[in-house]
Amino acid sequence: MPPTDASTDTGTSPTPHIGGGADDTLDLRLPEELIALFGEGTPTSVGVPSDAASAGGLLDAPAGWGPVTTSVGVFRLVPVRIERDLARITRWMNDPAVAAFWELSGPEAVTAAHLRPQLDGDGRSIPCLGVLDGIPMSYWEIYRADLDPLARHYPSRPHDTGIHLLVAGVADRGRGVGTTLLRAVSGLVLDHRPRCGRVIAEPDLRNTPSVSAFLSAGFRFQAEVDLPDKRAALMVRDRALRDLL
């Protein structure tokens, strides 16, 4: 359960510590049978190649969700390939505004240690680049909140899907781009994950601009939650309220 304070509309970045540190997302170990149950017949776990895990399974194949046209351009999620993307993501993580929340500044080895457990895991968390009009400009983690340590801290439901976001470019911050993309990506989740009734986020409660961006993107504030490394605002976008907020 990484962070969720992405640099939405400010210089603050959101995902490094949604509640437990950079390597917390995958520390909740579940039996293969339970993972298969949550995946409703699509078991992916130990021994499954990372590309197969990210191609489907527990998160219904974000790689195949395709582009979405937004008011700021054509956007799509592209699953991370460490040999192609490591240097770029490391550079983003070393932006002081990002590092303040993600706490992943340092050499490439630090970023790689954050990415590899996701890429080599059972598919419950998929790191992606956000590509806007052909240009990589943000980092996302799409994850199963109900299978994440976050589920210990709120009343989770099967197939709850979480998002973490980092907007990399300073030029893309503070002008509504983060809000637009949060709405677009949460919409992609709801469009392509029919069993998911809610999209979850947990920005740091102190990050008022980030919380505001989620609210503007159709999320509602549900509760304050004490996570291992921060007090978070639990934000929820409900399928049932999608067209109303």
C-alpha atoms as a PDB file:
ATOM      1  CA  MET A   1       0.000   0.000   0.000  1.00  0.00           C
ATOM      2  CA  PRO A   2       2.192   2.758  -1.286  1.00  0.00           C
ATOM      3  CA  PRO A   3       1.383   6.376  -1.069  1.00  0.00           C
ATOM      4  CA  THR A   4      -1.504   8.058  -2.636  1.00  0.00           C
ATOM      5  CA  ASP A   5      -0.742  11.689  -2.764  1.00  0.00           C
ATOM      6  CA  ALA A   6       0.181  12.040  -6.266  1.00  0.00           C
ATOM      7  CA  SER A   7       1.327  15.294  -7.562  1.00  0.00           C
ATOM      8  CA  THR A   8      -2.168  15.914  -8.651  1.00  0.00           C
ATOM      9  CA  ASP A   9      -2.620  19.635  -8.902  1.00  0.00           C
ATOM     10  CA  THR A  10       0.331  20.757  -6.861  1.00  0.00           C
ATOM     11  CA  GLY A  11       3.952  19.939  -6.580  1.00  0.00           C
ATOM     12  CA  THR A  12       3.199  17.199  -4.131  1.00  0.00           C
ATOM     13  CA  SER A  13       3.215  13.693  -5.328  1.00  0.00           C
ATOM     14  CA  PRO A  14       0.924  11.055  -4.144  1.00  0.00           C
ATOM     15  CA  THR A  15       1.714   7.500  -3.878  1.00  0.00           C
ATOM     16  CA  PRO A  16       4.661   6.640  -1.907  1.00  0.00           C
ATOM     17  CA  HIS A  17       3.069   5.952   1.318  1.00  0.00           C
ATOM     18  CA  ILE A  18      -0.486   5.279   1.313  1.00  0.00           C
ATOM     19  CA  GLY A  19      -0.069   3.691   4.510  1.00  0.00           C
ATOM     20  CA  GLY A  20       3.019   1.804   5.078  1.00  0.00           C
ATOM     21  CA  GLY A  21       6.071   2.735   3.196  1.00  0.00           C
ATOM     22  CA  ALA A  22       7.384   2.164  -0.256  1.00  0.00           C
ATOM     23  CA  ASP A  23       7.494  -1.608   0.022  1.00  0.00           C
ATOM     24  CA  ASP A  24       4.277  -2.098   1.960  1.00  0.00           C
ATOM     25  CA  THR A  25       1.970  -2.721  -0.977  1.00  0.00           C
ATOM     26  CA  LEU A  26       2.907  -6.357  -1.302  1.00  0.00           C
ATOM     27  CA  ASP A  27       3.533  -7.363   2.284  1.00  0.00           C
ATOM     28  CA  LEU A  28       0.105  -8.912   2.802  1.00  0.00           C
ATOM     29  CA  ARG A  29       0.647 -12.572   1.901  1.00  0.00           C
ATOM     30  CA  LEU A  30      -2.464 -14.505   0.994  1.00  0.00           C
ATOM     31  CA  PRO A  31      -2.887 -18.176   0.149  1.00  0.00           C
ATOM     32  CA  GLU A  32      -3.075 -18.949  -3.551  1.00  0.00           C
ATOM     33  CA  GLU A  33      -6.592 -20.317  -3.095  1.00  0.00           C
ATOM     34  CA  LEU A  34      -7.797 -17.052  -1.573  1.00  0.00           C
ATOM     35  CA  ILE A  35      -6.190 -15.012  -4.322  1.00  0.00           C
ATOM     36  CA  ALA A  36      -7.942 -17.214  -6.871  1.00  0.00           C
ATOM     37  CA  LEU A  37     -11.241 -16.646  -5.058  1.00  0.00           C
ATOM     38  CA  PHE A  38     -10.836 -12.877  -5.113  1.00  0.00           C
ATOM     39  CA  GLY A  39      -9.898 -13.114  -8.778  1.00  0.00           C
ATOM     40  CA  GLU A  40     -13.002 -15.210  -9.433  1.00  0.00           C
ATOM     41  CA  GLY A  41     -11.344 -17.895 -11.414  1.00  0.00           C
ATOM     42  CA  THR A  42      -8.256 -16.058 -12.632  1.00  0.00           C
ATOM     43  CA  PRO A  43      -5.509 -17.230 -10.260  1.00  0.00           C
ATOM     44  CA  THR A  44      -2.142 -15.598 -10.726  1.00  0.00           C
ATOM     45  CA  SER A  45       0.504 -16.087  -8.110  1.00  0.00           C
ATOM     46  CA  VAL A  46       3.963 -17.429  -7.465  1.00  0.00           C
ATOM     47  CA  GLY A  47       5.569 -18.794 -10.583  1.00  0.00           C
ATOM     48  CA  VAL A  48       3.516 -16.735 -13.025  1.00  0.00           C
ATOM     49  CA  PRO A  49       5.709 -14.484 -15.203  1.00  0.00           C
ATOM     50  CA  SER A  50       5.359 -10.801 -14.432  1.00  0.00           C
ATOM     51  CA  ASP A  51       4.150  -9.963 -17.917  1.00  0.00           C
ATOM     52  CA  ALA A  52       1.358 -12.521 -17.569  1.00  0.00           C
ATOM     53  CA  ALA A  53       0.381 -11.113 -14.190  1.00  0.00           C
ATOM     54  CA  SER A  54       0.182  -7.583 -15.530  1.00  0.00           C
ATOM     55  CA  ALA A  55      -1.711  -8.719 -18.594  1.00  0.00           C
ATOM     56  CA  GLY A  56      -4.843  -9.632 -16.655  1.00  0.00           C
ATOM     57  CA  GLY A  57      -5.637 -11.718 -13.617  1.00  0.00           C
ATOM     58  CA  LEU A  58      -6.458  -9.804 -10.489  1.00  0.00           C
ATOM     59  CA  LEU A  59      -6.818  -6.407 -12.190  1.00  0.00           C
ATOM     60  CA  ASP A  60      -8.486  -7.243 -15.511  1.00  0.00           C
ATOM     61  CA  ALA A  61      -5.589  -6.328 -17.786  1.00  0.00           C
ATOM     62  CA  PRO A  62      -4.856  -2.585 -17.532  1.00  0.00           C
ATOM     63  CA  ALA A  63      -2.463  -3.027 -20.463  1.00  0.00           C
ATOM     64  CA  GLY A  64      -5.464  -3.552 -22.705  1.00  0.00           C
ATOM     65  CA  TRP A  65      -7.693  -0.757 -21.450  1.00  0.00           C
ATOM     66  CA  GLY A  66      -6.777   1.473 -24.360  1.00  0.00           C
ATOM     67  CA  PRO A  67      -6.728   5.263 -24.681  1.00  0.00           C
ATOM     68  CA  VAL A  68      -9.260   7.742 -23.363  1.00  0.00           C
ATOM     69  CA  THR A  69      -9.823  11.227 -24.762  1.00  0.00           C
ATOM     70  CA  THR A  70      -9.787  13.926 -22.085  1.00  0.00           C
ATOM     71  CA  SER A  71      -9.953  17.712 -22.101  1.00  0.00           C
ATOM     72  CA  VAL A  72      -6.144  17.824 -21.838  1.00  0.00           C
ATOM     73  CA  GLY A  73      -5.390  15.249 -24.540  1.00  0.00           C
ATOM     74  CA  VAL A  74      -5.458  11.551 -25.324  1.00  0.00           C
ATOM     75  CA  PHE A  75      -4.347   9.546 -22.301  1.00  0.00           C
ATOM     76  CA  ARG A  76      -3.478   5.916 -21.766  1.00  0.00           C
ATOM     77  CA  LEU A  77      -1.867   3.691 -19.142  1.00  0.00           C
ATOM     78  CA  VAL A  78       1.212   1.758 -20.252  1.00  0.00           C
ATOM     79  CA  PRO A  79       2.510  -0.914 -17.843  1.00  0.00           C
ATOM     80  CA  VAL A  80       6.051  -0.206 -16.667  1.00  0.00           C
ATOM     81  CA  ARG A  81       8.979  -2.101 -18.190  1.00  0.00           C
ATOM     82  CA  ILE A  82      11.890  -1.704 -15.861  1.00  0.00           C
ATOM     83  CA  GLU A  83      14.586  -1.803 -18.561  1.00  0.00           C
ATOM     84  CA  ARG A  84      12.830   0.976 -20.472  1.00  0.00           C
ATOM     85  CA  ASP A  85      11.387   3.109 -17.679  1.00  0.00           C
ATOM     86  CA  LEU A  86      13.651   2.842 -14.630  1.00  0.00           C
ATOM     87  CA  ALA A  87      15.795   5.914 -15.349  1.00  0.00           C
ATOM     88  CA  ARG A  88      12.754   8.070 -16.083  1.00  0.00           C
ATOM     89  CA  ILE A  89      10.833   7.051 -12.951  1.00  0.00           C
ATOM     90  CA  THR A  90      13.956   7.448 -10.815  1.00  0.00           C
ATOM     91  CA  ARG A  91      14.323  10.997 -12.110  1.00  0.00           C
ATOM     92  CA  TRP A  92      10.715  11.729 -11.187  1.00  0.00           C
ATOM     93  CA  MET A  93      11.139  10.253  -7.717  1.00  0.00           C
ATOM     94  CA  ASN A  94      14.060  12.590  -7.085  1.00  0.00           C
ATOM     95  CA  ASP A  95      11.976  15.700  -7.633  1.00  0.00           C
ATOM     96  CA  PRO A  96      11.869  17.188  -4.099  1.00  0.00           C
ATOM     97  CA  ALA A  97       8.108  17.778  -4.313  1.00  0.00           C
ATOM     98  CA  VAL A  98       7.584  14.119  -5.183  1.00  0.00           C
ATOM     99  CA  ALA A  99      10.130  12.775  -2.712  1.00  0.00           C
ATOM    100  CA  ALA A 100       8.373  14.546   0.149  1.00  0.00           C
ATOM    101  CA  PHE A 101       5.484  12.103  -0.146  1.00  0.00           C
ATOM    102  CA  TRP A 102       6.826   9.061  -1.991  1.00  0.00           C
ATOM    103  CA  GLU A 103      10.076   8.927  -0.006  1.00  0.00           C
ATOM    104  CA  LEU A 104      11.791   7.104  -2.865  1.00  0.00           C
ATOM    105  CA  SER A 105      14.553   9.560  -3.715  1.00  0.00           C
ATOM    106  CA  GLY A 106      17.990   8.131  -4.375  1.00  0.00           C
ATOM    107  CA  PRO A 107      19.711   6.031  -7.050  1.00  0.00           C
ATOM    108  CA  GLU A 108      17.986   3.724  -9.518  1.00  0.00           C
ATOM    109  CA  ALA A 109      18.354   0.832  -7.084  1.00  0.00           C
ATOM    110  CA  VAL A 110      15.842   2.508  -4.747  1.00  0.00           C
ATOM    111  CA  THR A 111      13.249   2.851  -7.486  1.00  0.00           C
ATOM    112  CA  ALA A 112      13.928  -0.662  -8.753  1.00  0.00           C
ATOM    113  CA  ALA A 113      13.382  -2.069  -5.263  1.00  0.00           C
ATOM    114  CA  HIS A 114       9.957  -0.406  -5.267  1.00  0.00           C
ATOM    115  CA  LEU A 115       8.998  -1.593  -8.758  1.00  0.00           C
ATOM    116  CA  ARG A 116      10.271  -5.175  -8.811  1.00  0.00           C
ATOM    117  CA  PRO A 117       7.967  -6.637  -6.117  1.00  0.00           C
ATOM    118  CA  GLN A 118       5.037  -5.358  -8.161  1.00  0.00           C
ATOM    119  CA  LEU A 119       6.383  -6.516 -11.514  1.00  0.00           C
ATOM    120  CA  ASP A 120       7.398  -9.925 -10.162  1.00  0.00           C
ATOM    121  CA  GLY A 121       4.395 -10.363  -7.871  1.00  0.00           C
ATOM    122  CA  ASP A 122       1.002 -11.970  -8.259  1.00  0.00           C
ATOM    123  CA  GLY A 123      -0.573  -9.102 -10.195  1.00  0.00           C
ATOM    124  CA  ARG A 124      -2.361  -7.346  -7.359  1.00  0.00           C
ATOM    125  CA  SER A 125      -0.475  -4.094  -8.071  1.00  0.00           C
ATOM    126  CA  ILE A 126       0.501  -2.919 -11.552  1.00  0.00           C
ATOM    127  CA  PRO A 127       2.812   0.086 -11.999  1.00  0.00           C
ATOM    128  CA  CYS A 128       2.107   2.113 -15.139  1.00  0.00           C
ATOM    129  CA  LEU A 129       3.297   5.165 -16.993  1.00  0.00           C
ATOM    130  CA  GLY A 130       0.628   7.705 -17.801  1.00  0.00           C
ATOM    131  CA  VAL A 131       1.131   8.774 -21.422  1.00  0.00           C
ATOM    132  CA  LEU A 132      -0.563  11.980 -22.566  1.00  0.00           C
ATOM    133  CA  ASP A 133      -0.571  12.686 -26.313  1.00  0.00           C
ATOM    134  CA  GLY A 134       2.294  10.230 -26.699  1.00  0.00           C
ATOM    135  CA  ILE A 135       4.450  11.716 -23.914  1.00  0.00           C
ATOM    136  CA  PRO A 136       5.078   9.866 -20.608  1.00  0.00           C
ATOM    137  CA  MET A 137       4.159  12.417 -17.943  1.00  0.00           C
ATOM    138  CA  SER A 138       2.919  10.556 -14.859  1.00  0.00           C
ATOM    139  CA  TYR A 139       3.374   7.383 -12.828  1.00  0.00           C
ATOM    140  CA  TRP A 140       0.433   5.299 -11.597  1.00  0.00           C
ATOM    141  CA  GLU A 141      -0.107   2.236  -9.486  1.00  0.00           C
ATOM    142  CA  ILE A 142      -3.362   0.391 -10.013  1.00  0.00           C
ATOM    143  CA  TYR A 143      -3.845  -2.090  -7.183  1.00  0.00           C
ATOM    144  CA  ARG A 144      -6.347  -4.333  -5.464  1.00  0.00           C
ATOM    145  CA  ALA A 145      -7.158  -2.374  -2.315  1.00  0.00           C
ATOM    146  CA  ASP A 146      -9.052  -5.350  -0.903  1.00  0.00           C
ATOM    147  CA  LEU A 147      -5.878  -7.465  -1.138  1.00  0.00           C
ATOM    148  CA  ASP A 148      -3.588  -4.723   0.162  1.00  0.00           C
ATOM    149  CA  PRO A 149      -2.508  -3.918   3.734  1.00  0.00           C
ATOM    150  CA  LEU A 150      -4.785  -0.882   3.371  1.00  0.00           C
ATOM    151  CA  ALA A 151      -7.710  -3.289   3.815  1.00  0.00           C
ATOM    152  CA  ARG A 152      -6.721  -3.610   7.484  1.00  0.00           C
ATOM    153  CA  HIS A 153      -7.597   0.043   7.989  1.00  0.00           C
ATOM    154  CA  TYR A 154     -11.002   0.482   6.362  1.00  0.00           C
ATOM    155  CA  PRO A 155     -14.112  -1.666   5.691  1.00  0.00           C
ATOM    156  CA  SER A 156     -13.020  -3.030   2.333  1.00  0.00           C
ATOM    157  CA  ARG A 157     -15.230  -4.745  -0.216  1.00  0.00           C
ATOM    158  CA  PRO A 158     -14.251  -7.415  -2.756  1.00  0.00           C
ATOM    159  CA  HIS A 159     -12.620  -5.920  -5.849  1.00  0.00           C
ATOM    160  CA  ASP A 160     -12.071  -2.461  -4.354  1.00  0.00           C
ATOM    161  CA  THR A 161      -9.414  -0.969  -6.621  1.00  0.00           C
ATOM    162  CA  GLY A 162      -6.887   1.608  -5.452  1.00  0.00           C
ATOM    163  CA  ILE A 163      -4.888   4.169  -7.393  1.00  0.00           C
ATOM    164  CA  HIS A 164      -1.669   6.020  -6.643  1.00  0.00           C
ATOM    165  CA  LEU A 165      -0.569   8.903  -8.837  1.00  0.00           C
ATOM    166  CA  LEU A 166       2.508  11.001  -9.440  1.00  0.00           C
ATOM    167  CA  VAL A 167       2.363  13.846 -11.962  1.00  0.00           C
ATOM    168  CA  ALA A 168       5.927  14.395 -13.046  1.00  0.00           C
ATOM    169  CA  GLY A 169       6.129  17.690 -14.892  1.00  0.00           C
ATOM    170  CA  VAL A 170       5.893  20.962 -13.025  1.00  0.00           C
ATOM    171  CA  ALA A 171       4.076  22.398 -16.054  1.00  0.00           C
ATOM    172  CA  ASP A 172       1.314  19.818 -15.570  1.00  0.00           C
ATOM    173  CA  ARG A 173       0.740  20.726 -11.922  1.00  0.00           C
ATOM    174  CA  GLY A 174      -1.586  23.352 -10.579  1.00  0.00           C
ATOM    175  CA  ARG A 175      -3.773  23.659 -13.673  1.00  0.00           C
ATOM    176  CA  GLY A 176      -6.247  20.832 -13.268  1.00  0.00           C
ATOM    177  CA  VAL A 177      -4.382  18.115 -15.179  1.00  0.00           C
ATOM    178  CA  GLY A 178      -4.213  15.838 -12.148  1.00  0.00           C
ATOM    179  CA  THR A 179      -7.949  16.184 -11.529  1.00  0.00           C
ATOM    180  CA  THR A 180      -8.730  15.403 -15.166  1.00  0.00           C
ATOM    181  CA  LEU A 181      -6.518  12.334 -15.187  1.00  0.00           C
ATOM    182  CA  LEU A 182      -7.822  11.071 -11.845  1.00  0.00           C
ATOM    183  CA  ARG A 183     -11.339  11.188 -13.243  1.00  0.00           C
ATOM    184  CA  ALA A 184     -10.187   9.482 -16.454  1.00  0.00           C
ATOM    185  CA  VAL A 185      -8.274   6.673 -14.752  1.00  0.00           C
ATOM    186  CA  SER A 186     -10.921   5.971 -12.147  1.00  0.00           C
ATOM    187  CA  GLY A 187     -13.371   5.892 -15.057  1.00  0.00           C
ATOM    188  CA  LEU A 188     -11.166   3.359 -16.861  1.00  0.00           C
ATOM    189  CA  VAL A 189     -11.161   1.192 -13.747  1.00  0.00           C
ATOM    190  CA  LEU A 190     -14.945   1.248 -13.535  1.00  0.00           C
ATOM    191  CA  ASP A 191     -15.325   0.656 -17.284  1.00  0.00           C
ATOM    192  CA  HIS A 192     -12.975  -2.325 -17.430  1.00  0.00           C
ATOM    193  CA  ARG A 193     -13.453  -3.877 -13.990  1.00  0.00           C
ATOM    194  CA  PRO A 194     -17.184  -4.663 -13.846  1.00  0.00           C
ATOM    195  CA  ARG A 195     -16.809  -6.416 -10.485  1.00  0.00           C
ATOM    196  CA  CYS A 196     -15.299  -3.295  -8.919  1.00  0.00           C
ATOM    197  CA  GLY A 197     -17.887  -1.083  -7.246  1.00  0.00           C
ATOM    198  CA  ARG A 198     -15.489   1.506  -5.823  1.00  0.00           C
ATOM    199  CA  VAL A 199     -12.176   3.156  -6.607  1.00  0.00           C
ATOM    200  CA  ILE A 200     -10.157   3.976  -3.477  1.00  0.00           C
ATOM    201  CA  ALA A 201      -7.430   6.523  -2.763  1.00  0.00           C
ATOM    202  CA  GLU A 202      -5.668   7.633   0.414  1.00  0.00           C
ATOM    203  CA  PRO A 203      -3.776  10.915   0.066  1.00  0.00           C
ATOM    204  CA  ASP A 204      -1.985  12.360   3.035  1.00  0.00           C
ATOM    205  CA  LEU A 205      -4.513  14.417   4.974  1.00  0.00           C
ATOM    206  CA  ARG A 206      -2.028  17.310   5.093  1.00  0.00           C
ATOM    207  CA  ASN A 207      -1.914  17.471   1.307  1.00  0.00           C
ATOM    208  CA  THR A 208      -4.941  19.694   0.885  1.00  0.00           C
ATOM    209  CA  PRO A 209      -4.437  20.330  -2.865  1.00  0.00           C
ATOM    210  CA  SER A 210      -4.270  16.579  -3.500  1.00  0.00           C
ATOM    211  CA  VAL A 211      -7.422  15.912  -1.472  1.00  0.00           C
ATOM    212  CA  SER A 212      -9.126  18.734  -3.359  1.00  0.00           C
ATOM    213  CA  ALA A 213      -8.098  17.219  -6.692  1.00  0.00           C
ATOM    214  CA  PHE A 214      -9.661  13.880  -5.761  1.00  0.00           C
ATOM    215  CA  LEU A 215     -12.859  15.631  -4.699  1.00  0.00           C
ATOM    216  CA  SER A 216     -12.983  17.503  -8.000  1.00  0.00           C
ATOM    217  CA  ALA A 217     -12.438  14.207  -9.848  1.00  0.00           C
ATOM    218  CA  GLY A 218     -15.627  12.652  -8.476  1.00  0.00           C
ATOM    219  CA  PHE A 219     -14.291  11.083  -5.290  1.00  0.00           C
ATOM    220  CA  ARG A 220     -15.946  11.697  -1.946  1.00  0.00           C
ATOM    221  CA  PHE A 221     -14.239  11.963   1.409  1.00  0.00           C
ATOM    222  CA  GLN A 222     -15.208   8.965   3.536  1.00  0.00           C
ATOM    223  CA  ALA A 223     -13.006   9.069   6.633  1.00  0.00           C
ATOM    224  CA  GLU A 224      -9.694   9.930   8.186  1.00  0.00           C
ATOM    225  CA  VAL A 225      -7.560   6.808   8.500  1.00  0.00           C
ATOM    226  CA  ASP A 226      -4.470   6.225  10.607  1.00  0.00           C
ATOM    227  CA  LEU A 227      -1.982   4.348   8.437  1.00  0.00           C
ATOM    228  CA  PRO A 228       1.453   3.175   9.592  1.00  0.00           C
ATOM    229  CA  ASP A 229       3.231   6.260   8.267  1.00  0.00           C
ATOM    230  CA  LYS A 230       0.585   8.937   7.907  1.00  0.00           C
ATOM    231  CA  ARG A 231      -2.915  10.101   8.619  1.00  0.00           C
ATOM    232  CA  ALA A 232      -4.768   9.746   5.358  1.00  0.00           C
ATOM    233  CA  ALA A 233      -7.976  10.963   3.797  1.00  0.00           C
ATOM    234  CA  LEU A 234      -9.863   7.910   2.548  1.00  0.00           C
ATOM    235  CA  MET A 235     -11.327   8.947  -0.790  1.00  0.00           C
ATOM    236  CA  VAL A 236     -13.920   6.845  -2.617  1.00  0.00           C
ATOM    237  CA  ARG A 237     -15.387   7.043  -6.099  1.00  0.00           C
ATOM    238  CA  ASP A 238     -18.524   4.928  -6.161  1.00  0.00           C
ATOM    239  CA  ARG A 239     -19.790   3.302  -9.325  1.00  0.00           C
ATOM    240  CA  ALA A 240     -23.345   4.166  -8.260  1.00  0.00           C
ATOM    241  CA  LEU A 241     -22.499   7.883  -7.960  1.00  0.00           C
ATOM    242  CA  ARG A 242     -20.253   8.045 -10.992  1.00  0.00           C
ATOM    243  CA  ASP A 243     -22.574  10.197 -13.081  1.00  0.00           C
ATOM    244  CA  LEU A 244     -23.582  12.432 -10.178  1.00  0.00           C
ATOM    245  CA  LEU A 245     -20.184  13.619  -8.895  1.00  0.00           C
END
